[in-house]
Amino acid sequence: MFAKLGQDPKYRQYIQDGGGVLEALAPRDFKAYVDSEIDRFARILPPLGIQIS
């Protein structure tokens, strides 16, 4: 579903207009990206007084 949506020129333009970037990732690569973002925010947020669970 998302792969098809990402090919729609209107949707791609909508994302780009909002400053986003569409990138297709294999499931393993997507999981690695999400895991790295979780780790990054786990380090960044607590010193700012933002608690994550």
PDB file of N, CA and C in Angstrom:
ATOM      1  N   MET A   1       0.824  -1.183   0.000  1.00  0.00           N
ATOM      2  CA  MET A   1       0.000   0.000   0.000  1.00  0.00           C
ATOM      3  C   MET A   1       0.872   1.252   0.000  1.00  0.00           C
ATOM      4  N   PHE A   2       1.847   1.332   0.888  1.00  0.00           N
ATOM      5  CA  PHE A   2       2.688   2.524   0.976  1.00  0.00           C
ATOM      6  C   PHE A   2       3.571   2.681  -0.256  1.00  0.00           C
ATOM      7  N   ALA A   3       4.035   1.568  -0.797  1.00  0.00           N
ATOM      8  CA  ALA A   3       4.871   1.643  -1.997  1.00  0.00           C
ATOM      9  C   ALA A   3       4.076   2.240  -3.147  1.00  0.00           C
ATOM     10  N   LYS A   4       2.827   1.835  -3.295  1.00  0.00           N
ATOM     11  CA  LYS A   4       1.980   2.376  -4.350  1.00  0.00           C
ATOM     12  C   LYS A   4       1.697   3.857  -4.101  1.00  0.00           C
ATOM     13  N   LEU A   5       1.411   4.212  -2.880  1.00  0.00           N
ATOM     14  CA  LEU A   5       1.156   5.607  -2.521  1.00  0.00           C
ATOM     15  C   LEU A   5       2.379   6.470  -2.810  1.00  0.00           C
ATOM     16  N   GLY A   6       3.558   5.949  -2.529  1.00  0.00           N
ATOM     17  CA  GLY A   6       4.786   6.689  -2.752  1.00  0.00           C
ATOM     18  C   GLY A   6       5.079   6.956  -4.215  1.00  0.00           C
ATOM     19  N   GLN A   7       4.412   6.247  -5.100  1.00  0.00           N
ATOM     20  CA  GLN A   7       4.605   6.455  -6.526  1.00  0.00           C
ATOM     21  C   GLN A   7       3.647   7.504  -7.096  1.00  0.00           C
ATOM     22  N   ASP A   8       2.674   7.921  -6.301  1.00  0.00           N
ATOM     23  CA  ASP A   8       1.704   8.923  -6.742  1.00  0.00           C
ATOM     24  C   ASP A   8       2.372  10.299  -6.755  1.00  0.00           C
ATOM     25  N   PRO A   9       2.465  10.945  -7.914  1.00  0.00           N
ATOM     26  CA  PRO A   9       3.150  12.244  -7.995  1.00  0.00           C
ATOM     27  C   PRO A   9       2.554  13.310  -7.075  1.00  0.00           C
ATOM     28  N   LYS A  10       1.238  13.316  -6.909  1.00  0.00           N
ATOM     29  CA  LYS A  10       0.601  14.307  -6.025  1.00  0.00           C
ATOM     30  C   LYS A  10       1.014  14.069  -4.569  1.00  0.00           C
ATOM     31  N   TYR A  11       1.055  12.812  -4.164  1.00  0.00           N
ATOM     32  CA  TYR A  11       1.451  12.491  -2.795  1.00  0.00           C
ATOM     33  C   TYR A  11       2.922  12.830  -2.566  1.00  0.00           C
ATOM     34  N   ARG A  12       3.775  12.477  -3.540  1.00  0.00           N
ATOM     35  CA  ARG A  12       5.206  12.793  -3.422  1.00  0.00           C
ATOM     36  C   ARG A  12       5.406  14.295  -3.283  1.00  0.00           C
ATOM     37  N   GLN A  13       4.666  15.082  -4.073  1.00  0.00           N
ATOM     38  CA  GLN A  13       4.789  16.535  -4.004  1.00  0.00           C
ATOM     39  C   GLN A  13       4.303  17.043  -2.648  1.00  0.00           C
ATOM     40  N   TYR A  14       3.213  16.471  -2.141  1.00  0.00           N
ATOM     41  CA  TYR A  14       2.676  16.847  -0.830  1.00  0.00           C
ATOM     42  C   TYR A  14       3.729  16.626   0.263  1.00  0.00           C
ATOM     43  N   ILE A  15       4.379  15.494   0.237  1.00  0.00           N
ATOM     44  CA  ILE A  15       5.409  15.178   1.220  1.00  0.00           C
ATOM     45  C   ILE A  15       6.588  16.135   1.075  1.00  0.00           C
ATOM     46  N   GLN A  16       7.032  16.376  -0.142  1.00  0.00           N
ATOM     47  CA  GLN A  16       8.159  17.272  -0.389  1.00  0.00           C
ATOM     48  C   GLN A  16       7.826  18.706   0.023  1.00  0.00           C
ATOM     49  N   ASP A  17       6.612  19.143  -0.243  1.00  0.00           N
ATOM     50  CA  ASP A  17       6.203  20.497   0.150  1.00  0.00           C
ATOM     51  C   ASP A  17       6.246  20.676   1.660  1.00  0.00           C
ATOM     52  N   GLY A  18       6.024  19.601   2.384  1.00  0.00           N
ATOM     53  CA  GLY A  18       6.081  19.632   3.838  1.00  0.00           C
ATOM     54  C   GLY A  18       7.480  19.410   4.390  1.00  0.00           C
ATOM     55  N   GLY A  19       8.468  19.304   3.511  1.00  0.00           N
ATOM     56  CA  GLY A  19       9.848  19.111   3.947  1.00  0.00           C
ATOM     57  C   GLY A  19      10.240  17.662   4.128  1.00  0.00           C
ATOM     58  N   GLY A  20       9.364  16.744   3.743  1.00  0.00           N
ATOM     59  CA  GLY A  20       9.651  15.326   3.915  1.00  0.00           C
ATOM     60  C   GLY A  20      10.402  14.739   2.738  1.00  0.00           C
ATOM     61  N   VAL A  21      10.932  13.568   2.972  1.00  0.00           N
ATOM     62  CA  VAL A  21      11.643  12.828   1.939  1.00  0.00           C
ATOM     63  C   VAL A  21      11.106  11.403   1.951  1.00  0.00           C
ATOM     64  N   LEU A  22      10.676  10.938   0.801  1.00  0.00           N
ATOM     65  CA  LEU A  22      10.222   9.550   0.691  1.00  0.00           C
ATOM     66  C   LEU A  22      11.394   8.664   0.337  1.00  0.00           C
ATOM     67  N   GLU A  23      11.522   7.591   1.071  1.00  0.00           N
ATOM     68  CA  GLU A  23      12.602   6.651   0.797  1.00  0.00           C
ATOM     69  C   GLU A  23      12.078   5.246   1.056  1.00  0.00           C
ATOM     70  N   ALA A  24      12.225   4.392   0.082  1.00  0.00           N
ATOM     71  CA  ALA A  24      11.786   3.012   0.233  1.00  0.00           C
ATOM     72  C   ALA A  24      12.893   2.220   0.928  1.00  0.00           C
ATOM     73  N   LEU A  25      12.529   1.518   1.980  1.00  0.00           N
ATOM     74  CA  LEU A  25      13.488   0.705   2.725  1.00  0.00           C
ATOM     75  C   LEU A  25      12.992  -0.730   2.808  1.00  0.00           C
ATOM     76  N   ALA A  26      13.909  -1.647   2.772  1.00  0.00           N
ATOM     77  CA  ALA A  26      13.568  -3.045   3.022  1.00  0.00           C
ATOM     78  C   ALA A  26      13.162  -3.164   4.489  1.00  0.00           C
ATOM     79  N   PRO A  27      12.334  -4.135   4.836  1.00  0.00           N
ATOM     80  CA  PRO A  27      11.891  -4.266   6.223  1.00  0.00           C
ATOM     81  C   PRO A  27      13.048  -4.282   7.229  1.00  0.00           C
ATOM     82  N   ARG A  28      14.127  -4.975   6.925  1.00  0.00           N
ATOM     83  CA  ARG A  28      15.269  -5.043   7.847  1.00  0.00           C
ATOM     84  C   ARG A  28      15.899  -3.659   8.028  1.00  0.00           C
ATOM     85  N   ASP A  29      16.027  -2.925   6.935  1.00  0.00           N
ATOM     86  CA  ASP A  29      16.601  -1.578   7.000  1.00  0.00           C
ATOM     87  C   ASP A  29      15.684  -0.613   7.745  1.00  0.00           C
ATOM     88  N   PHE A  30      14.379  -0.752   7.528  1.00  0.00           N
ATOM     89  CA  PHE A  30      13.426   0.090   8.243  1.00  0.00           C
ATOM     90  C   PHE A  30      13.497  -0.163   9.742  1.00  0.00           C
ATOM     91  N   LYS A  31      13.575  -1.433  10.132  1.00  0.00           N
ATOM     92  CA  LYS A  31      13.695  -1.773  11.556  1.00  0.00           C
ATOM     93  C   LYS A  31      14.970  -1.191  12.141  1.00  0.00           C
ATOM     94  N   ALA A  32      16.068  -1.278  11.422  1.00  0.00           N
ATOM     95  CA  ALA A  32      17.334  -0.719  11.901  1.00  0.00           C
ATOM     96  C   ALA A  32      17.214   0.794  12.076  1.00  0.00           C
ATOM     97  N   TYR A  33      16.549   1.463  11.138  1.00  0.00           N
ATOM     98  CA  TYR A  33      16.351   2.909  11.238  1.00  0.00           C
ATOM     99  C   TYR A  33      15.509   3.260  12.464  1.00  0.00           C
ATOM    100  N   VAL A  34      14.394   2.563  12.634  1.00  0.00           N
ATOM    101  CA  VAL A  34      13.515   2.841  13.783  1.00  0.00           C
ATOM    102  C   VAL A  34      14.257   2.581  15.086  1.00  0.00           C
ATOM    103  N   ASP A  35      14.983   1.485  15.172  1.00  0.00           N
ATOM    104  CA  ASP A  35      15.747   1.175  16.383  1.00  0.00           C
ATOM    105  C   ASP A  35      16.779   2.264  16.679  1.00  0.00           C
ATOM    106  N   SER A  36      17.436   2.777  15.638  1.00  0.00           N
ATOM    107  CA  SER A  36      18.441   3.821  15.850  1.00  0.00           C
ATOM    108  C   SER A  36      17.786   5.121  16.317  1.00  0.00           C
ATOM    109  N   GLU A  37      16.598   5.415  15.816  1.00  0.00           N
ATOM    110  CA  GLU A  37      15.886   6.620  16.248  1.00  0.00           C
ATOM    111  C   GLU A  37      15.424   6.481  17.703  1.00  0.00           C
ATOM    112  N   ILE A  38      14.976   5.303  18.084  1.00  0.00           N
ATOM    113  CA  ILE A  38      14.575   5.070  19.473  1.00  0.00           C
ATOM    114  C   ILE A  38      15.772   5.279  20.399  1.00  0.00           C
ATOM    115  N   ASP A  39      16.917   4.715  20.032  1.00  0.00           N
ATOM    116  CA  ASP A  39      18.132   4.895  20.829  1.00  0.00           C
ATOM    117  C   ASP A  39      18.528   6.361  20.915  1.00  0.00           C
ATOM    118  N   ARG A  40      18.447   7.057  19.785  1.00  0.00           N
ATOM    119  CA  ARG A  40      18.827   8.476  19.747  1.00  0.00           C
ATOM    120  C   ARG A  40      17.935   9.305  20.666  1.00  0.00           C
ATOM    121  N   PHE A  41      16.636   9.115  20.583  1.00  0.00           N
ATOM    122  CA  PHE A  41      15.731   9.890  21.424  1.00  0.00           C
ATOM    123  C   PHE A  41      15.816   9.475  22.888  1.00  0.00           C
ATOM    124  N   ALA A  42      16.179   8.226  23.143  1.00  0.00           N
ATOM    125  CA  ALA A  42      16.359   7.781  24.529  1.00  0.00           C
ATOM    126  C   ALA A  42      17.527   8.520  25.184  1.00  0.00           C
ATOM    127  N   ARG A  43      18.495   8.968  24.392  1.00  0.00           N
ATOM    128  CA  ARG A  43      19.627   9.746  24.923  1.00  0.00           C
ATOM    129  C   ARG A  43      19.312  11.239  24.982  1.00  0.00           C
ATOM    130  N   ILE A  44      18.573  11.739  24.006  1.00  0.00           N
ATOM    131  CA  ILE A  44      18.332  13.179  23.880  1.00  0.00           C
ATOM    132  C   ILE A  44      17.255  13.687  24.832  1.00  0.00           C
ATOM    133  N   LEU A  45      16.170  12.960  24.982  1.00  0.00           N
ATOM    134  CA  LEU A  45      15.007  13.483  25.686  1.00  0.00           C
ATOM    135  C   LEU A  45      15.125  13.541  27.207  1.00  0.00           C
ATOM    136  N   PRO A  46      15.643  12.537  27.884  1.00  0.00           N
ATOM    137  CA  PRO A  46      15.675  12.610  29.355  1.00  0.00           C
ATOM    138  C   PRO A  46      16.385  13.846  29.924  1.00  0.00           C
ATOM    139  N   PRO A  47      17.514  14.286  29.373  1.00  0.00           N
ATOM    140  CA  PRO A  47      18.120  15.501  29.916  1.00  0.00           C
ATOM    141  C   PRO A  47      17.251  16.753  29.762  1.00  0.00           C
ATOM    142  N   LEU A  48      16.286  16.673  28.872  1.00  0.00           N
ATOM    143  CA  LEU A  48      15.370  17.795  28.676  1.00  0.00           C
ATOM    144  C   LEU A  48      14.133  17.693  29.560  1.00  0.00           C
ATOM    145  N   GLY A  49      14.116  16.674  30.399  1.00  0.00           N
ATOM    146  CA  GLY A  49      13.000  16.473  31.307  1.00  0.00           C
ATOM    147  C   GLY A  49      11.810  15.767  30.662  1.00  0.00           C
ATOM    148  N   ILE A  50      12.035  15.167  29.514  1.00  0.00           N
ATOM    149  CA  ILE A  50      10.975  14.444  28.810  1.00  0.00           C
ATOM    150  C   ILE A  50      11.162  12.961  29.064  1.00  0.00           C
ATOM    151  N   GLN A  51      10.173  12.369  29.662  1.00  0.00           N
ATOM    152  CA  GLN A  51      10.258  10.962  30.028  1.00  0.00           C
ATOM    153  C   GLN A  51       9.653  10.110  28.930  1.00  0.00           C
ATOM    154  N   ILE A  52      10.347   9.052  28.562  1.00  0.00           N
ATOM    155  CA  ILE A  52       9.813   8.128  27.563  1.00  0.00           C
ATOM    156  C   ILE A  52       9.668   6.761  28.216  1.00  0.00           C
ATOM    157  N   SER A  53       8.749   5.982  27.653  1.00  0.00           N
ATOM    158  CA  SER A  53       8.550   4.638  28.216  1.00  0.00           C
ATOM    159  C   SER A  53       8.511   3.601  27.145  1.00  0.00           C
TER     160      SER A  53
END
